[in-house]
Amino acid sequence: MHLGAFSISLTVKDIKKSKAFYEGLGFSDLGGSGDDGWLILKNGDTVIGLFQGMFDKNMLTFNPGWNQSAEKLDDFQDIRALQKELKAKGYQFASEADEASSGPASFVLVDPDGNPILVDQHV
């Protein structure tokens, strides 16, 4: 099983202050502008997402079909195949991808400690 590119999605109170803070740590823009409540930053292979007003908790995020630079991979395990494999292992989902669809989709798992895990395929 390969879940795809990994990042931490952080819920923030003030996206501009958070952006300035992380830029001071060496992060630079990878995606988004912040104007619509989200921004993706990168430092080396480390990727973080800053999200204001979009969700309640920080979460782990995986992106099937992308590498760490948000570039499309030619070969990857589709999110619906990942979901099917996890269902067969007995995992419960907070939200699911439509298994009859194709292309972009997402699902959310919650770990035993209540931490959300977003698997979000953009391709």
PDB file of N, CA and C in Angstrom:
ATOM      1  N   MET A   1       0.849  -1.175   0.000  1.00  0.00           N
ATOM      2  CA  MET A   1       0.000   0.000   0.000  1.00  0.00           C
ATOM      3  C   MET A   1       0.895   1.238   0.000  1.00  0.00           C
ATOM      4  N   HIS A   2       0.611   2.152  -0.919  1.00  0.00           N
ATOM      5  CA  HIS A   2       1.346   3.423  -0.983  1.00  0.00           C
ATOM      6  C   HIS A   2       0.326   4.554  -0.944  1.00  0.00           C
ATOM      7  N   LEU A   3       0.355   5.321   0.141  1.00  0.00           N
ATOM      8  CA  LEU A   3      -0.643   6.365   0.362  1.00  0.00           C
ATOM      9  C   LEU A   3      -0.348   7.661  -0.385  1.00  0.00           C
ATOM     10  N   GLY A   4       0.847   7.818  -0.915  1.00  0.00           N
ATOM     11  CA  GLY A   4       1.184   9.024  -1.666  1.00  0.00           C
ATOM     12  C   GLY A   4       1.960  10.029  -0.849  1.00  0.00           C
ATOM     13  N   ALA A   5       2.102  11.217  -1.390  1.00  0.00           N
ATOM     14  CA  ALA A   5       2.860  12.291  -0.750  1.00  0.00           C
ATOM     15  C   ALA A   5       2.275  12.597   0.623  1.00  0.00           C
ATOM     16  N   PHE A   6       3.140  12.890   1.577  1.00  0.00           N
ATOM     17  CA  PHE A   6       2.721  13.138   2.956  1.00  0.00           C
ATOM     18  C   PHE A   6       2.886  14.602   3.318  1.00  0.00           C
ATOM     19  N   SER A   7       1.925  15.119   4.084  1.00  0.00           N
ATOM     20  CA  SER A   7       2.039  16.453   4.659  1.00  0.00           C
ATOM     21  C   SER A   7       1.229  16.505   5.947  1.00  0.00           C
ATOM     22  N   ILE A   8       1.479  17.546   6.706  1.00  0.00           N
ATOM     23  CA  ILE A   8       0.675  17.850   7.885  1.00  0.00           C
ATOM     24  C   ILE A   8      -0.221  19.023   7.518  1.00  0.00           C
ATOM     25  N   SER A   9      -1.508  18.902   7.779  1.00  0.00           N
ATOM     26  CA  SER A   9      -2.453  19.992   7.545  1.00  0.00           C
ATOM     27  C   SER A   9      -2.764  20.621   8.890  1.00  0.00           C
ATOM     28  N   LEU A  10      -2.415  21.891   9.028  1.00  0.00           N
ATOM     29  CA  LEU A  10      -2.585  22.595  10.292  1.00  0.00           C
ATOM     30  C   LEU A  10      -3.750  23.561  10.221  1.00  0.00           C
ATOM     31  N   THR A  11      -4.613  23.517  11.220  1.00  0.00           N
ATOM     32  CA  THR A  11      -5.667  24.512  11.329  1.00  0.00           C
ATOM     33  C   THR A  11      -5.065  25.722  12.042  1.00  0.00           C
ATOM     34  N   VAL A  12      -5.196  26.892  11.448  1.00  0.00           N
ATOM     35  CA  VAL A  12      -4.552  28.090  11.986  1.00  0.00           C
ATOM     36  C   VAL A  12      -5.588  29.184  12.230  1.00  0.00           C
ATOM     37  N   LYS A  13      -5.277  30.079  13.157  1.00  0.00           N
ATOM     38  CA  LYS A  13      -6.174  31.190  13.485  1.00  0.00           C
ATOM     39  C   LYS A  13      -5.980  32.374  12.539  1.00  0.00           C
ATOM     40  N   ASP A  14      -4.734  32.622  12.137  1.00  0.00           N
ATOM     41  CA  ASP A  14      -4.408  33.751  11.272  1.00  0.00           C
ATOM     42  C   ASP A  14      -3.409  33.271  10.224  1.00  0.00           C
ATOM     43  N   ILE A  15      -3.874  33.026   9.013  1.00  0.00           N
ATOM     44  CA  ILE A  15      -3.042  32.413   7.982  1.00  0.00           C
ATOM     45  C   ILE A  15      -1.833  33.288   7.625  1.00  0.00           C
ATOM     46  N   LYS A  16      -1.982  34.601   7.659  1.00  0.00           N
ATOM     47  CA  LYS A  16      -0.861  35.491   7.339  1.00  0.00           C
ATOM     48  C   LYS A  16       0.234  35.404   8.396  1.00  0.00           C
ATOM     49  N   LYS A  17      -0.148  35.383   9.675  1.00  0.00           N
ATOM     50  CA  LYS A  17       0.840  35.250  10.749  1.00  0.00           C
ATOM     51  C   LYS A  17       1.517  33.883  10.690  1.00  0.00           C
ATOM     52  N   SER A  18       0.726  32.851  10.431  1.00  0.00           N
ATOM     53  CA  SER A  18       1.281  31.498  10.356  1.00  0.00           C
ATOM     54  C   SER A  18       2.241  31.373   9.177  1.00  0.00           C
ATOM     55  N   LYS A  19       1.872  31.958   8.034  1.00  0.00           N
ATOM     56  CA  LYS A  19       2.743  31.923   6.855  1.00  0.00           C
ATOM     57  C   LYS A  19       4.078  32.593   7.176  1.00  0.00           C
ATOM     58  N   ALA A  20       4.038  33.765   7.788  1.00  0.00           N
ATOM     59  CA  ALA A  20       5.268  34.485   8.140  1.00  0.00           C
ATOM     60  C   ALA A  20       6.123  33.659   9.098  1.00  0.00           C
ATOM     61  N   PHE A  21       5.486  33.004  10.065  1.00  0.00           N
ATOM     62  CA  PHE A  21       6.206  32.165  11.015  1.00  0.00           C
ATOM     63  C   PHE A  21       6.949  31.041  10.304  1.00  0.00           C
ATOM     64  N   TYR A  22       6.238  30.303   9.448  1.00  0.00           N
ATOM     65  CA  TYR A  22       6.853  29.167   8.771  1.00  0.00           C
ATOM     66  C   TYR A  22       7.865  29.601   7.711  1.00  0.00           C
ATOM     67  N   GLU A  23       7.657  30.750   7.091  1.00  0.00           N
ATOM     68  CA  GLU A  23       8.670  31.269   6.166  1.00  0.00           C
ATOM     69  C   GLU A  23       9.964  31.567   6.919  1.00  0.00           C
ATOM     70  N   GLY A  24       9.852  32.029   8.149  1.00  0.00           N
ATOM     71  CA  GLY A  24      11.031  32.249   8.982  1.00  0.00           C
ATOM     72  C   GLY A  24      11.792  30.972   9.291  1.00  0.00           C
ATOM     73  N   LEU A  25      11.089  29.841   9.225  1.00  0.00           N
ATOM     74  CA  LEU A  25      11.724  28.530   9.420  1.00  0.00           C
ATOM     75  C   LEU A  25      12.249  27.945   8.111  1.00  0.00           C
ATOM     76  N   GLY A  26      12.143  28.703   7.012  1.00  0.00           N
ATOM     77  CA  GLY A  26      12.675  28.253   5.727  1.00  0.00           C
ATOM     78  C   GLY A  26      11.665  27.663   4.775  1.00  0.00           C
ATOM     79  N   PHE A  27      10.379  27.723   5.102  1.00  0.00           N
ATOM     80  CA  PHE A  27       9.354  27.216   4.192  1.00  0.00           C
ATOM     81  C   PHE A  27       9.059  28.248   3.112  1.00  0.00           C
ATOM     82  N   SER A  28       8.686  27.770   1.923  1.00  0.00           N
ATOM     83  CA  SER A  28       8.298  28.661   0.827  1.00  0.00           C
ATOM     84  C   SER A  28       7.015  28.134   0.190  1.00  0.00           C
ATOM     85  N   ASP A  29       6.369  28.999  -0.601  1.00  0.00           N
ATOM     86  CA  ASP A  29       5.085  28.666  -1.225  1.00  0.00           C
ATOM     87  C   ASP A  29       5.194  27.462  -2.156  1.00  0.00           C
ATOM     88  N   LEU A  30       4.221  26.572  -2.049  1.00  0.00           N
ATOM     89  CA  LEU A  30       4.080  25.456  -2.983  1.00  0.00           C
ATOM     90  C   LEU A  30       2.724  25.527  -3.680  1.00  0.00           C
ATOM     91  N   GLY A  31       1.704  26.022  -2.994  1.00  0.00           N
ATOM     92  CA  GLY A  31       0.384  26.115  -3.604  1.00  0.00           C
ATOM     93  C   GLY A  31      -0.548  26.965  -2.780  1.00  0.00           C
ATOM     94  N   GLY A  32      -1.555  27.511  -3.444  1.00  0.00           N
ATOM     95  CA  GLY A  32      -2.527  28.369  -2.789  1.00  0.00           C
ATOM     96  C   GLY A  32      -1.971  29.765  -2.573  1.00  0.00           C
ATOM     97  N   SER A  33      -2.871  30.679  -2.227  1.00  0.00           N
ATOM     98  CA  SER A  33      -2.444  32.062  -2.000  1.00  0.00           C
ATOM     99  C   SER A  33      -2.724  32.515  -0.574  1.00  0.00           C
ATOM    100  N   GLY A  34      -3.549  31.777   0.142  1.00  0.00           N
ATOM    101  CA  GLY A  34      -3.970  32.180   1.467  1.00  0.00           C
ATOM    102  C   GLY A  34      -5.243  33.009   1.439  1.00  0.00           C
ATOM    103  N   ASP A  35      -5.547  33.613   0.283  1.00  0.00           N
ATOM    104  CA  ASP A  35      -6.731  34.468   0.173  1.00  0.00           C
ATOM    105  C   ASP A  35      -8.028  33.694   0.360  1.00  0.00           C
ATOM    106  N   ASP A  36      -8.024  32.413   0.022  1.00  0.00           N
ATOM    107  CA  ASP A  36      -9.234  31.602   0.168  1.00  0.00           C
ATOM    108  C   ASP A  36      -9.141  30.639   1.353  1.00  0.00           C
ATOM    109  N   GLY A  37      -8.237  30.944   2.300  1.00  0.00           N
ATOM    110  CA  GLY A  37      -8.185  30.182   3.543  1.00  0.00           C
ATOM    111  C   GLY A  37      -7.220  29.029   3.580  1.00  0.00           C
ATOM    112  N   TRP A  38      -6.442  28.831   2.524  1.00  0.00           N
ATOM    113  CA  TRP A  38      -5.469  27.737   2.562  1.00  0.00           C
ATOM    114  C   TRP A  38      -4.199  28.117   1.811  1.00  0.00           C
ATOM    115  N   LEU A  39      -3.113  27.437   2.217  1.00  0.00           N
ATOM    116  CA  LEU A  39      -1.792  27.688   1.663  1.00  0.00           C
ATOM    117  C   LEU A  39      -0.941  26.456   1.911  1.00  0.00           C
ATOM    118  N   ILE A  40      -0.177  26.027   0.923  1.00  0.00           N
ATOM    119  CA  ILE A  40       0.728  24.889   1.072  1.00  0.00           C
ATOM    120  C   ILE A  40       2.150  25.424   1.014  1.00  0.00           C
ATOM    121  N   LEU A  41       2.971  25.000   1.975  1.00  0.00           N
ATOM    122  CA  LEU A  41       4.364  25.442   2.072  1.00  0.00           C
ATOM    123  C   LEU A  41       5.288  24.240   2.075  1.00  0.00           C
ATOM    124  N   LYS A  42       6.529  24.460   1.621  1.00  0.00           N
ATOM    125  CA  LYS A  42       7.491  23.359   1.520  1.00  0.00           C
ATOM    126  C   LYS A  42       8.863  23.820   1.985  1.00  0.00           C
ATOM    127  N   ASN A  43       9.559  22.921   2.668  1.00  0.00           N
ATOM    128  CA  ASN A  43      10.950  23.114   3.084  1.00  0.00           C
ATOM    129  C   ASN A  43      11.645  21.791   2.824  1.00  0.00           C
ATOM    130  N   GLY A  44      12.475  21.723   1.781  1.00  0.00           N
ATOM    131  CA  GLY A  44      13.062  20.441   1.382  1.00  0.00           C
ATOM    132  C   GLY A  44      11.955  19.509   0.939  1.00  0.00           C
ATOM    133  N   ASP A  45      11.898  18.319   1.524  1.00  0.00           N
ATOM    134  CA  ASP A  45      10.828  17.368   1.214  1.00  0.00           C
ATOM    135  C   ASP A  45       9.651  17.475   2.176  1.00  0.00           C
ATOM    136  N   THR A  46       9.728  18.394   3.131  1.00  0.00           N
ATOM    137  CA  THR A  46       8.680  18.552   4.131  1.00  0.00           C
ATOM    138  C   THR A  46       7.604  19.499   3.612  1.00  0.00           C
ATOM    139  N   VAL A  47       6.355  19.045   3.667  1.00  0.00           N
ATOM    140  CA  VAL A  47       5.229  19.835   3.178  1.00  0.00           C
ATOM    141  C   VAL A  47       4.234  20.021   4.319  1.00  0.00           C
ATOM    142  N   ILE A  48       3.783  21.276   4.487  1.00  0.00           N
ATOM    143  CA  ILE A  48       2.725  21.561   5.447  1.00  0.00           C
ATOM    144  C   ILE A  48       1.633  22.358   4.742  1.00  0.00           C
ATOM    145  N   GLY A  49       0.409  22.152   5.172  1.00  0.00           N
ATOM    146  CA  GLY A  49      -0.706  22.944   4.694  1.00  0.00           C
ATOM    147  C   GLY A  49      -1.216  23.789   5.847  1.00  0.00           C
ATOM    148  N   LEU A  50      -1.492  25.050   5.569  1.00  0.00           N
ATOM    149  CA  LEU A  50      -2.091  25.953   6.551  1.00  0.00           C
ATOM    150  C   LEU A  50      -3.528  26.203   6.118  1.00  0.00           C
ATOM    151  N   PHE A  51      -4.484  25.974   7.015  1.00  0.00           N
ATOM    152  CA  PHE A  51      -5.900  26.075   6.688  1.00  0.00           C
ATOM    153  C   PHE A  51      -6.605  26.887   7.764  1.00  0.00           C
ATOM    154  N   GLN A  52      -7.213  27.988   7.356  1.00  0.00           N
ATOM    155  CA  GLN A  52      -7.939  28.848   8.280  1.00  0.00           C
ATOM    156  C   GLN A  52      -9.431  28.687   8.053  1.00  0.00           C
ATOM    157  N   GLY A  53     -10.128  28.233   9.110  1.00  0.00           N
ATOM    158  CA  GLY A  53     -11.580  28.119   9.051  1.00  0.00           C
ATOM    159  C   GLY A  53     -12.100  26.970   8.207  1.00  0.00           C
ATOM    160  N   MET A  54     -11.275  25.977   7.908  1.00  0.00           N
ATOM    161  CA  MET A  54     -11.730  24.887   7.035  1.00  0.00           C
ATOM    162  C   MET A  54     -12.005  23.583   7.783  1.00  0.00           C
ATOM    163  N   PHE A  55     -11.322  23.347   8.881  1.00  0.00           N
ATOM    164  CA  PHE A  55     -11.578  22.158   9.689  1.00  0.00           C
ATOM    165  C   PHE A  55     -11.159  22.429  11.124  1.00  0.00           C
ATOM    166  N   ASP A  56     -11.543  21.529  12.037  1.00  0.00           N
ATOM    167  CA  ASP A  56     -11.367  21.765  13.467  1.00  0.00           C
ATOM    168  C   ASP A  56     -10.048  21.281  14.050  1.00  0.00           C
ATOM    169  N   LYS A  57      -9.460  20.253  13.452  1.00  0.00           N
ATOM    170  CA  LYS A  57      -8.268  19.641  14.034  1.00  0.00           C
ATOM    171  C   LYS A  57      -7.152  19.560  13.001  1.00  0.00           C
ATOM    172  N   ASN A  58      -5.915  19.577  13.495  1.00  0.00           N
ATOM    173  CA  ASN A  58      -4.781  19.274  12.631  1.00  0.00           C
ATOM    174  C   ASN A  58      -4.930  17.836  12.144  1.00  0.00           C
ATOM    175  N   MET A  59      -4.405  17.552  10.959  1.00  0.00           N
ATOM    176  CA  MET A  59      -4.521  16.182  10.462  1.00  0.00           C
ATOM    177  C   MET A  59      -3.333  15.795   9.595  1.00  0.00           C
ATOM    178  N   LEU A  60      -3.089  14.506   9.562  1.00  0.00           N
ATOM    179  CA  LEU A  60      -2.132  13.942   8.620  1.00  0.00           C
ATOM    180  C   LEU A  60      -2.809  13.912   7.263  1.00  0.00           C
ATOM    181  N   THR A  61      -2.069  14.196   6.216  1.00  0.00           N
ATOM    182  CA  THR A  61      -2.635  14.192   4.871  1.00  0.00           C
ATOM    183  C   THR A  61      -1.736  13.393   3.939  1.00  0.00           C
ATOM    184  N   PHE A  62      -2.362  12.567   3.114  1.00  0.00           N
ATOM    185  CA  PHE A  62      -1.660  11.803   2.078  1.00  0.00           C
ATOM    186  C   PHE A  62      -2.319  12.105   0.741  1.00  0.00           C
ATOM    187  N   ASN A  63      -1.498  12.215  -0.297  1.00  0.00           N
ATOM    188  CA  ASN A  63      -2.012  12.534  -1.636  1.00  0.00           C
ATOM    189  C   ASN A  63      -1.567  11.484  -2.647  1.00  0.00           C
ATOM    190  N   PRO A  64      -2.392  10.447  -2.868  1.00  0.00           N
ATOM    191  CA  PRO A  64      -2.071   9.476  -3.912  1.00  0.00           C
ATOM    192  C   PRO A  64      -1.970  10.181  -5.259  1.00  0.00           C
ATOM    193  N   GLY A  65      -1.002   9.786  -6.043  1.00  0.00           N
ATOM    194  CA  GLY A  65      -0.843  10.354  -7.387  1.00  0.00           C
ATOM    195  C   GLY A  65       0.085  11.541  -7.455  1.00  0.00           C
ATOM    196  N   TRP A  66       0.578  12.004  -6.303  1.00  0.00           N
ATOM    197  CA  TRP A  66       1.511  13.138  -6.259  1.00  0.00           C
ATOM    198  C   TRP A  66       2.809  12.742  -5.586  1.00  0.00           C
ATOM    199  N   ASN A  67       3.900  13.392  -6.010  1.00  0.00           N
ATOM    200  CA  ASN A  67       5.144  13.304  -5.261  1.00  0.00           C
ATOM    201  C   ASN A  67       5.183  14.466  -4.268  1.00  0.00           C
ATOM    202  N   GLN A  68       6.278  14.624  -3.537  1.00  0.00           N
ATOM    203  CA  GLN A  68       6.376  15.655  -2.498  1.00  0.00           C
ATOM    204  C   GLN A  68       6.387  17.077  -3.060  1.00  0.00           C
ATOM    205  N   SER A  69       6.509  17.226  -4.379  1.00  0.00           N
ATOM    206  CA  SER A  69       6.453  18.549  -5.001  1.00  0.00           C
ATOM    207  C   SER A  69       5.108  18.804  -5.671  1.00  0.00           C
ATOM    208  N   ALA A  70       4.105  17.984  -5.347  1.00  0.00           N
ATOM    209  CA  ALA A  70       2.755  18.085  -5.908  1.00  0.00           C
ATOM    210  C   ALA A  70       2.761  17.908  -7.421  1.00  0.00           C
ATOM    211  N   GLU A  71       3.666  17.050  -7.902  1.00  0.00           N
ATOM    212  CA  GLU A  71       3.733  16.714  -9.324  1.00  0.00           C
ATOM    213  C   GLU A  71       3.086  15.354  -9.523  1.00  0.00           C
ATOM    214  N   LYS A  72       2.311  15.231 -10.596  1.00  0.00           N
ATOM    215  CA  LYS A  72       1.586  13.997 -10.882  1.00  0.00           C
ATOM    216  C   LYS A  72       2.549  12.841 -11.146  1.00  0.00           C
ATOM    217  N   LEU A  73       2.246  11.707 -10.533  1.00  0.00           N
ATOM    218  CA  LEU A  73       3.000  10.473 -10.766  1.00  0.00           C
ATOM    219  C   LEU A  73       2.347   9.685 -11.894  1.00  0.00           C
ATOM    220  N   ASP A  74       3.159   9.034 -12.706  1.00  0.00           N
ATOM    221  CA  ASP A  74       2.622   8.203 -13.780  1.00  0.00           C
ATOM    222  C   ASP A  74       1.984   6.930 -13.243  1.00  0.00           C
ATOM    223  N   ASP A  75       2.531   6.408 -12.151  1.00  0.00           N
ATOM    224  CA  ASP A  75       2.059   5.141 -11.599  1.00  0.00           C
ATOM    225  C   ASP A  75       1.762   5.333 -10.116  1.00  0.00           C
ATOM    226  N   PHE A  76       0.515   5.077  -9.716  1.00  0.00           N
ATOM    227  CA  PHE A  76       0.137   5.200  -8.314  1.00  0.00           C
ATOM    228  C   PHE A  76      -1.100   4.356  -8.055  1.00  0.00           C
ATOM    229  N   GLN A  77      -1.340   4.060  -6.780  1.00  0.00           N
ATOM    230  CA  GLN A  77      -2.524   3.295  -6.385  1.00  0.00           C
ATOM    231  C   GLN A  77      -3.686   4.261  -6.216  1.00  0.00           C
ATOM    232  N   ASP A  78      -4.738   4.075  -6.985  1.00  0.00           N
ATOM    233  CA  ASP A  78      -5.904   4.940  -6.943  1.00  0.00           C
ATOM    234  C   ASP A  78      -6.545   4.903  -5.561  1.00  0.00           C
ATOM    235  N   ILE A  79      -7.114   6.022  -5.174  1.00  0.00           N
ATOM    236  CA  ILE A  79      -7.721   6.166  -3.847  1.00  0.00           C
ATOM    237  C   ILE A  79      -8.828   5.145  -3.605  1.00  0.00           C
ATOM    238  N   ARG A  80      -9.575   4.792  -4.634  1.00  0.00           N
ATOM    239  CA  ARG A  80     -10.655   3.815  -4.459  1.00  0.00           C
ATOM    240  C   ARG A  80     -10.081   2.426  -4.161  1.00  0.00           C
ATOM    241  N   ALA A  81      -8.939   2.094  -4.757  1.00  0.00           N
ATOM    242  CA  ALA A  81      -8.278   0.822  -4.456  1.00  0.00           C
ATOM    243  C   ALA A  81      -7.737   0.832  -3.021  1.00  0.00           C
ATOM    244  N   LEU A  82      -7.183   1.966  -2.600  1.00  0.00           N
ATOM    245  CA  LEU A  82      -6.714   2.087  -1.213  1.00  0.00           C
ATOM    246  C   LEU A  82      -7.881   1.912  -0.240  1.00  0.00           C
ATOM    247  N   GLN A  83      -8.987   2.586  -0.526  1.00  0.00           N
ATOM    248  CA  GLN A  83     -10.160   2.501   0.337  1.00  0.00           C
ATOM    249  C   GLN A  83     -10.672   1.066   0.427  1.00  0.00           C
ATOM    250  N   LYS A  84     -10.748   0.396  -0.701  1.00  0.00           N
ATOM    251  CA  LYS A  84     -11.219  -0.996  -0.725  1.00  0.00           C
ATOM    252  C   LYS A  84     -10.303  -1.895   0.110  1.00  0.00           C
ATOM    253  N   GLU A  85      -8.997  -1.691  -0.026  1.00  0.00           N
ATOM    254  CA  GLU A  85      -8.022  -2.485   0.733  1.00  0.00           C
ATOM    255  C   GLU A  85      -8.167  -2.234   2.235  1.00  0.00           C
ATOM    256  N   LEU A  86      -8.356  -0.980   2.617  1.00  0.00           N
ATOM    257  CA  LEU A  86      -8.514  -0.651   4.032  1.00  0.00           C
ATOM    258  C   LEU A  86      -9.833  -1.182   4.589  1.00  0.00           C
ATOM    259  N   LYS A  87     -10.896  -1.131   3.799  1.00  0.00           N
ATOM    260  CA  LYS A  87     -12.180  -1.701   4.230  1.00  0.00           C
ATOM    261  C   LYS A  87     -12.041  -3.199   4.486  1.00  0.00           C
ATOM    262  N   ALA A  88     -11.305  -3.872   3.603  1.00  0.00           N
ATOM    263  CA  ALA A  88     -11.098  -5.312   3.765  1.00  0.00           C
ATOM    264  C   ALA A  88     -10.330  -5.628   5.053  1.00  0.00           C
ATOM    265  N   LYS A  89      -9.541  -4.665   5.516  1.00  0.00           N
ATOM    266  CA  LYS A  89      -8.794  -4.834   6.772  1.00  0.00           C
ATOM    267  C   LYS A  89      -9.616  -4.405   7.983  1.00  0.00           C
ATOM    268  N   GLY A  90     -10.846  -3.937   7.766  1.00  0.00           N
ATOM    269  CA  GLY A  90     -11.728  -3.584   8.861  1.00  0.00           C
ATOM    270  C   GLY A  90     -11.688  -2.127   9.303  1.00  0.00           C
ATOM    271  N   TYR A  91     -11.019  -1.269   8.556  1.00  0.00           N
ATOM    272  CA  TYR A  91     -10.987   0.154   8.917  1.00  0.00           C
ATOM    273  C   TYR A  91     -12.357   0.786   8.733  1.00  0.00           C
ATOM    274  N   GLN A  92     -12.678   1.720   9.629  1.00  0.00           N
ATOM    275  CA  GLN A  92     -13.908   2.495   9.554  1.00  0.00           C
ATOM    276  C   GLN A  92     -13.575   3.882   9.017  1.00  0.00           C
ATOM    277  N   PHE A  93     -14.477   4.477   8.274  1.00  0.00           N
ATOM    278  CA  PHE A  93     -14.241   5.754   7.612  1.00  0.00           C
ATOM    279  C   PHE A  93     -15.166   6.836   8.163  1.00  0.00           C
ATOM    280  N   ALA A  94     -14.610   8.042   8.346  1.00  0.00           N
ATOM    281  CA  ALA A  94     -15.424   9.200   8.707  1.00  0.00           C
ATOM    282  C   ALA A  94     -16.104   9.757   7.465  1.00  0.00           C
ATOM    283  N   SER A  95     -15.440   9.633   6.318  1.00  0.00           N
ATOM    284  CA  SER A  95     -16.026   9.954   5.020  1.00  0.00           C
ATOM    285  C   SER A  95     -15.356   9.053   3.988  1.00  0.00           C
ATOM    286  N   GLU A  96     -16.054   8.801   2.892  1.00  0.00           N
ATOM    287  CA  GLU A  96     -15.559   7.863   1.892  1.00  0.00           C
ATOM    288  C   GLU A  96     -15.558   8.469   0.500  1.00  0.00           C
ATOM    289  N   ALA A  97     -14.658   7.929  -0.339  1.00  0.00           N
ATOM    290  CA  ALA A  97     -14.655   8.244  -1.766  1.00  0.00           C
ATOM    291  C   ALA A  97     -15.749   7.423  -2.437  1.00  0.00           C
ATOM    292  N   ASP A  98     -16.372   7.979  -3.447  1.00  0.00           N
ATOM    293  CA  ASP A  98     -17.376   7.259  -4.227  1.00  0.00           C
ATOM    294  C   ASP A  98     -16.642   6.224  -5.076  1.00  0.00           C
ATOM    295  N   GLU A  99     -16.851   4.967  -4.777  1.00  0.00           N
ATOM    296  CA  GLU A  99     -16.120   3.894  -5.458  1.00  0.00           C
ATOM    297  C   GLU A  99     -16.515   3.742  -6.923  1.00  0.00           C
ATOM    298  N   ALA A 100     -17.633   4.335  -7.333  1.00  0.00           N
ATOM    299  CA  ALA A 100     -18.055   4.269  -8.729  1.00  0.00           C
ATOM    300  C   ALA A 100     -17.469   5.412  -9.558  1.00  0.00           C
ATOM    301  N   SER A 101     -16.762   6.327  -8.902  1.00  0.00           N
ATOM    302  CA  SER A 101     -16.201   7.483  -9.598  1.00  0.00           C
ATOM    303  C   SER A 101     -14.775   7.204 -10.066  1.00  0.00           C
ATOM    304  N   SER A 102     -14.184   8.191 -10.725  1.00  0.00           N
ATOM    305  CA  SER A 102     -12.770   8.137 -11.094  1.00  0.00           C
ATOM    306  C   SER A 102     -12.197   9.533 -10.913  1.00  0.00           C
ATOM    307  N   GLY A 103     -10.883   9.637 -10.911  1.00  0.00           N
ATOM    308  CA  GLY A 103     -10.239  10.936 -10.761  1.00  0.00           C
ATOM    309  C   GLY A 103     -10.196  11.394  -9.315  1.00  0.00           C
ATOM    310  N   PRO A 104     -10.222  12.716  -9.102  1.00  0.00           N
ATOM    311  CA  PRO A 104     -10.089  13.264  -7.754  1.00  0.00           C
ATOM    312  C   PRO A 104     -11.169  12.753  -6.803  1.00  0.00           C
ATOM    313  N   ALA A 105     -10.731  12.447  -5.570  1.00  0.00           N
ATOM    314  CA  ALA A 105     -11.637  11.984  -4.517  1.00  0.00           C
ATOM    315  C   ALA A 105     -10.859  11.980  -3.208  1.00  0.00           C
ATOM    316  N   SER A 106     -11.582  11.792  -2.116  1.00  0.00           N
ATOM    317  CA  SER A 106     -10.909  11.732  -0.819  1.00  0.00           C
ATOM    318  C   SER A 106     -11.682  10.846   0.141  1.00  0.00           C
ATOM    319  N   PHE A 107     -10.985  10.421   1.190  1.00  0.00           N
ATOM    320  CA  PHE A 107     -11.627   9.776   2.326  1.00  0.00           C
ATOM    321  C   PHE A 107     -10.903  10.194   3.588  1.00  0.00           C
ATOM    322  N   VAL A 108     -11.582  10.017   4.723  1.00  0.00           N
ATOM    323  CA  VAL A 108     -11.005  10.368   6.023  1.00  0.00           C
ATOM    324  C   VAL A 108     -11.148   9.176   6.961  1.00  0.00           C
ATOM    325  N   LEU A 109     -10.030   8.836   7.596  1.00  0.00           N
ATOM    326  CA  LEU A 109      -9.992   7.865   8.682  1.00  0.00           C
ATOM    327  C   LEU A 109      -9.737   8.636   9.967  1.00  0.00           C
ATOM    328  N   VAL A 110     -10.068   8.050  11.103  1.00  0.00           N
ATOM    329  CA  VAL A 110      -9.740   8.637  12.391  1.00  0.00           C
ATOM    330  C   VAL A 110      -8.990   7.580  13.188  1.00  0.00           C
ATOM    331  N   ASP A 111      -7.779   7.932  13.659  1.00  0.00           N
ATOM    332  CA  ASP A 111      -6.984   6.953  14.389  1.00  0.00           C
ATOM    333  C   ASP A 111      -7.557   6.732  15.793  1.00  0.00           C
ATOM    334  N   PRO A 112      -7.048   5.747  16.535  1.00  0.00           N
ATOM    335  CA  PRO A 112      -7.615   5.432  17.851  1.00  0.00           C
ATOM    336  C   PRO A 112      -7.602   6.588  18.846  1.00  0.00           C
ATOM    337  N   ASP A 113      -6.768   7.610  18.613  1.00  0.00           N
ATOM    338  CA  ASP A 113      -6.693   8.756  19.511  1.00  0.00           C
ATOM    339  C   ASP A 113      -7.505   9.949  19.013  1.00  0.00           C
ATOM    340  N   GLY A 114      -8.287   9.750  17.952  1.00  0.00           N
ATOM    341  CA  GLY A 114      -9.138  10.806  17.449  1.00  0.00           C
ATOM    342  C   GLY A 114      -8.493  11.719  16.423  1.00  0.00           C
ATOM    343  N   ASN A 115      -7.285  11.379  15.969  1.00  0.00           N
ATOM    344  CA  ASN A 115      -6.602  12.192  14.971  1.00  0.00           C
ATOM    345  C   ASN A 115      -7.114  11.862  13.573  1.00  0.00           C
ATOM    346  N   PRO A 116      -7.587  12.868  12.833  1.00  0.00           N
ATOM    347  CA  PRO A 116      -8.064  12.609  11.477  1.00  0.00           C
ATOM    348  C   PRO A 116      -6.905  12.402  10.515  1.00  0.00           C
ATOM    349  N   ILE A 117      -7.116  11.516   9.558  1.00  0.00           N
ATOM    350  CA  ILE A 117      -6.159  11.240   8.490  1.00  0.00           C
ATOM    351  C   ILE A 117      -6.909  11.409   7.179  1.00  0.00           C
ATOM    352  N   LEU A 118      -6.516  12.417   6.422  1.00  0.00           N
ATOM    353  CA  LEU A 118      -7.133  12.713   5.134  1.00  0.00           C
ATOM    354  C   LEU A 118      -6.299  12.073   4.026  1.00  0.00           C
ATOM    355  N   VAL A 119      -6.940  11.296   3.182  1.00  0.00           N
ATOM    356  CA  VAL A 119      -6.309  10.780   1.962  1.00  0.00           C
ATOM    357  C   VAL A 119      -7.043  11.464   0.818  1.00  0.00           C
ATOM    358  N   ASP A 120      -6.320  12.316   0.103  1.00  0.00           N
ATOM    359  CA  ASP A 120      -6.925  13.262  -0.827  1.00  0.00           C
ATOM    360  C   ASP A 120      -6.210  13.192  -2.172  1.00  0.00           C
ATOM    361  N   GLN A 121      -6.850  12.555  -3.132  1.00  0.00           N
ATOM    362  CA  GLN A 121      -6.281  12.389  -4.471  1.00  0.00           C
ATOM    363  C   GLN A 121      -6.752  13.528  -5.368  1.00  0.00           C
ATOM    364  N   HIS A 122      -5.830  14.256  -5.950  1.00  0.00           N
ATOM    365  CA  HIS A 122      -6.155  15.411  -6.793  1.00  0.00           C
ATOM    366  C   HIS A 122      -6.109  15.101  -8.288  1.00  0.00           C
ATOM    367  N   VAL A 123      -5.686  13.921  -8.664  1.00  0.00           N
ATOM    368  CA  VAL A 123      -5.548  13.569 -10.079  1.00  0.00           C
ATOM    369  C   VAL A 123      -6.467  12.427 -10.449  1.00  0.00           C
TER     370      VAL A 123
END
